[in-house]
Protein backbone atom coordinates (compact mmCIF):
# COMPACT_ATOMS: atom_id res chain seq x y z
CA MET A 1 5.83 -18.75 -0.79
CA LEU A 2 7.07 -15.16 -0.90
CA THR A 3 9.89 -14.21 1.47
CA MET A 4 11.82 -11.02 2.20
CA ASN A 5 14.16 -12.01 -0.65
CA ASP A 6 11.26 -11.39 -3.07
CA ILE A 7 10.74 -7.83 -1.83
CA ILE A 8 12.74 -5.17 -3.66
CA ARG A 9 14.19 -2.27 -1.72
CA GLU A 10 14.19 1.50 -2.18
CA GLY A 11 16.36 2.58 -5.08
CA HIS A 12 15.02 -0.17 -7.35
CA PRO A 13 13.51 1.44 -10.49
CA THR A 14 10.28 -0.60 -10.37
CA LEU A 15 9.30 1.21 -7.15
CA ARG A 16 9.24 4.51 -9.07
CA LYS A 17 7.16 3.34 -12.05
CA LYS A 18 3.40 3.74 -12.44
CA ALA A 19 2.01 0.19 -12.38
CA GLU A 20 -0.01 -1.12 -15.32
CA PRO A 21 -3.74 -1.90 -14.91
CA ILE A 22 -4.79 -5.55 -14.82
CA SER A 23 -6.90 -6.83 -17.70
CA LEU A 24 -10.17 -8.16 -16.39
CA PRO A 25 -11.13 -10.83 -15.75
CA PRO A 26 -7.74 -11.37 -14.06
CA SER A 27 -5.53 -14.11 -15.46
CA THR A 28 -4.77 -17.24 -13.46
CA GLY A 29 -1.19 -16.01 -13.06
CA ASP A 30 -2.27 -12.63 -11.70
CA LYS A 31 -4.68 -14.30 -9.28
CA GLU A 32 -1.92 -16.64 -8.04
CA THR A 33 0.45 -13.70 -7.55
CA LEU A 34 -2.13 -11.72 -5.58
CA LYS A 35 -2.96 -14.76 -3.44
CA LYS A 36 0.77 -15.19 -2.68
CA MET A 37 0.95 -11.52 -1.66
CA LEU A 38 -1.91 -11.99 0.80
CA ASP A 39 -0.34 -15.22 2.06
CA PHE A 40 2.91 -13.31 2.70
CA LEU A 41 1.02 -10.93 5.02
CA VAL A 42 -0.67 -13.82 6.82
CA HIS A 43 2.69 -15.59 7.31
CA SER A 44 4.49 -12.36 8.33
CA GLN A 45 1.91 -11.76 11.08
CA ASP A 46 2.30 -15.29 12.47
CA PRO A 47 5.24 -15.03 14.91
CA GLU A 48 6.29 -18.67 14.37
CA MET A 49 6.19 -18.45 10.56
CA ALA A 50 7.83 -15.03 10.58
CA GLU A 51 10.74 -16.28 12.68
CA LYS A 52 11.13 -19.50 10.69
CA HIS A 53 11.28 -17.68 7.35
CA GLY A 54 12.86 -14.38 8.46
CA LEU A 55 9.81 -12.29 7.57
CA ARG A 56 9.25 -8.72 8.72
CA PRO A 57 5.63 -8.34 9.81
CA GLY A 58 3.58 -6.31 7.36
CA VAL A 59 -0.01 -5.17 6.95
CA GLY A 60 0.13 -4.29 3.26
CA LEU A 61 1.99 -5.26 0.10
CA ALA A 62 1.80 -3.86 -3.43
CA ALA A 63 2.88 -5.81 -6.52
CA PRO A 64 5.68 -3.32 -7.43
CA GLN A 65 7.32 -4.30 -4.12
CA ILE A 66 7.84 -7.81 -5.53
CA ASN A 67 9.10 -6.32 -8.82
CA ILE A 68 5.80 -6.76 -10.66
CA SER A 69 4.64 -3.44 -12.08
CA LYS A 70 0.92 -4.23 -12.05
CA GLN A 71 -1.98 -2.71 -10.11
CA MET A 72 -2.40 -5.31 -7.37
CA MET A 73 -2.38 -4.86 -3.60
CA ALA A 74 -2.97 -7.01 -0.53
CA ILE A 75 -3.92 -5.71 2.91
CA ARG A 76 -4.39 -7.64 6.14
CA SER A 77 -5.04 -5.67 9.30
CA THR A 78 -7.70 -4.88 11.86
CA ASP A 79 -10.62 -2.54 11.33
CA HIS A 80 -12.08 -0.02 13.78
CA ASN A 81 -13.84 -2.93 15.57
CA ASP A 82 -10.52 -4.77 16.01
CA GLU A 83 -11.67 -7.46 13.54
CA ILE A 84 -9.15 -8.91 11.07
CA VAL A 85 -9.93 -7.78 7.53
CA GLU A 86 -8.23 -8.82 4.31
CA TYR A 87 -8.26 -7.20 0.90
CA ALA A 88 -6.68 -8.63 -2.23
CA LEU A 89 -7.43 -6.14 -4.99
CA PHE A 90 -6.82 -5.62 -8.68
CA ASN A 91 -6.93 -2.05 -10.09
CA PRO A 92 -7.72 -0.42 -6.70
CA LYS A 93 -8.53 3.27 -6.57
CA ILE A 94 -9.98 5.95 -4.31
CA ILE A 95 -13.31 7.21 -5.64
CA SER A 96 -13.92 9.77 -2.86
CA HIS A 97 -12.24 11.00 0.31
CA SER A 98 -12.78 13.20 3.33
CA ALA A 99 -11.45 16.72 3.57
CA GLU A 100 -10.18 15.72 7.00
CA THR A 101 -6.66 14.35 7.14
CA THR A 102 -4.87 12.03 9.52
CA TYR A 103 -1.45 10.49 10.12
CA LEU A 104 0.22 7.77 12.14
CA GLU A 105 1.73 9.24 15.29
CA SER A 106 4.62 6.74 15.11
CA GLY A 107 5.24 7.45 11.42
CA GLU A 108 4.99 4.99 8.54
CA GLY A 109 7.29 2.12 7.69
CA CYS A 110 7.60 0.01 4.58
CA LEU A 111 8.78 -3.51 3.74
CA SER A 112 10.82 -1.97 0.90
CA VAL A 113 12.58 0.49 3.23
CA ASP A 114 15.17 -0.95 5.59
CA ARG A 115 15.73 2.25 7.54
CA GLU A 116 13.67 4.34 9.90
CA VAL A 117 12.25 7.48 8.31
CA ASN A 118 10.84 9.98 10.79
CA GLY A 119 8.15 12.47 9.92
CA ILE A 120 4.44 13.01 9.43
CA VAL A 121 2.86 11.43 6.37
CA PRO A 122 -0.48 13.18 5.79
CA ARG A 123 -3.35 10.93 4.59
CA TYR A 124 -7.10 11.25 4.11
CA ALA A 125 -8.98 10.23 7.27
CA ARG A 126 -11.77 8.46 5.37
CA ILE A 127 -11.84 7.08 1.85
CA LYS A 128 -14.24 5.25 -0.42
CA ILE A 129 -12.41 2.70 -2.52
CA GLU A 130 -13.13 0.54 -5.51
CA GLY A 131 -11.31 -2.47 -6.89
CA TYR A 132 -11.73 -6.04 -8.09
CA ASN A 133 -11.31 -9.02 -5.78
CA LEU A 134 -9.62 -12.35 -6.53
CA GLU A 135 -12.74 -13.57 -8.32
CA GLY A 136 -12.72 -10.46 -10.52
CA LYS A 137 -15.84 -9.06 -8.81
CA LYS A 138 -16.03 -5.28 -8.39
CA ILE A 139 -16.16 -4.20 -4.76
CA THR A 140 -16.70 -0.81 -3.14
CA GLU A 141 -15.78 -0.19 0.50
CA ARG A 142 -15.49 2.69 2.94
CA LEU A 143 -12.28 2.71 4.98
CA ARG A 144 -11.25 4.91 7.86
CA GLY A 145 -8.45 5.23 10.35
CA PHE A 146 -5.54 2.83 10.12
CA LEU A 147 -7.05 0.81 7.24
CA ALA A 148 -7.48 3.98 5.17
CA ILE A 149 -3.83 4.86 5.80
CA VAL A 150 -2.64 1.39 4.78
CA PHE A 151 -4.69 1.51 1.57
CA GLN A 152 -3.27 4.94 0.65
CA HIS A 153 0.28 3.74 1.37
CA GLU A 154 -0.16 0.74 -0.96
CA LEU A 155 -1.92 2.83 -3.61
CA ASP A 156 1.09 5.17 -3.59
CA HIS A 157 3.28 2.18 -4.49
CA LEU A 158 1.11 1.60 -7.56
CA ASN A 159 1.83 5.18 -8.61
CA GLY A 160 5.59 5.09 -8.00
CA ILE A 161 5.38 7.11 -4.77
CA MET A 162 7.23 6.21 -1.58
CA PHE A 163 5.71 7.23 1.76
CA TYR A 164 8.62 9.54 2.57
CA ASP A 165 7.88 11.58 -0.58
CA ARG A 166 4.88 12.93 1.35
CA ILE A 167 6.92 14.10 4.37
CA GLU A 168 7.61 17.84 4.40
CA GLN A 169 11.37 17.89 3.77
CA ASP A 170 12.05 21.24 5.46
CA ASP A 171 9.90 20.41 8.50
CA PRO A 172 9.28 16.63 8.80
CA PHE A 173 7.01 17.03 11.83
CA LYS A 174 4.98 19.93 10.44
CA GLN A 175 1.34 19.53 11.47
CA PRO A 176 -0.58 19.46 8.18
CA LEU A 177 -3.92 19.07 9.88
CA PRO A 178 -6.74 21.55 10.45
CA PRO A 179 -8.55 21.78 13.81
CA GLY A 180 -10.20 18.47 14.62
CA GLU A 181 -7.23 16.46 13.40
CA ILE A 182 -7.15 12.72 13.79
CA VAL A 183 -3.97 11.07 15.00
CA ILE A 184 -3.76 7.30 14.65
CA ARG A 185 -1.60 5.41 17.10
CA ASN A 186 -0.19 2.28 15.50
CA ASP A 187 0.56 -0.24 18.20
CA THR A 188 1.69 -2.97 15.80
CA ASP A 189 4.74 -1.15 14.41
CA ALA A 190 4.28 -3.35 11.32
CA PRO A 191 5.48 -1.80 8.07
CA LEU A 192 2.65 -0.82 5.77
C-alpha cells in the first residue's frame, strides 16, 4: 500500500523530468504499480483509511510523484453527473481540446506540494484524451470541467511541469479567460 511516505515532494529532480512511455502491452510490474496508485486515491478518499494511515486526500496521482519516471496516471473523482469515475492510464495524452479555458476558483493543490500556492492555473475547459487502461486496451474519452482539470494537472507531471509553473508570476490572479469563461468551484479541496 502506498502512503504519503512514497510521495516525493517539490524540489525532487524526478518531478522535473519528462516521463518515459510504457512499452505495451504493460508489464505485470507496471500494472501493479498503476493499481497501487489508484488504490492510494481510493484509500485517501476514505476518511477512516486516510486518518489511520495519515493520507492526504487526493483525486489524481502521476507515477513521477512516487519517484517512477514513467507515463502512468490514476484519477478518481466525480464527473459532471456527480458519479465516481476512475481512470488508471498508461501513456495518456490529449488528442484535442477546446479553445475555451477554465480554472479552479480555489486554485490547485498537489500531493507533492506541502504549501499553499495561490493563483489562477489556466486549463482547457474540454479535452479529448487517449490512453491505455490496466488491461492494455486503448481508450478514448471526452472530459470536461473538474475531471478535465485533474487530467491536465496529472499530464503536466508526466512532462516535468508543476501546476504553479502555469500561474502568471507577475499577476497570479490575472484572468486568462475570454468572455464566456468557465470557473470551476472545487468543494473537495483535495489536491490534484
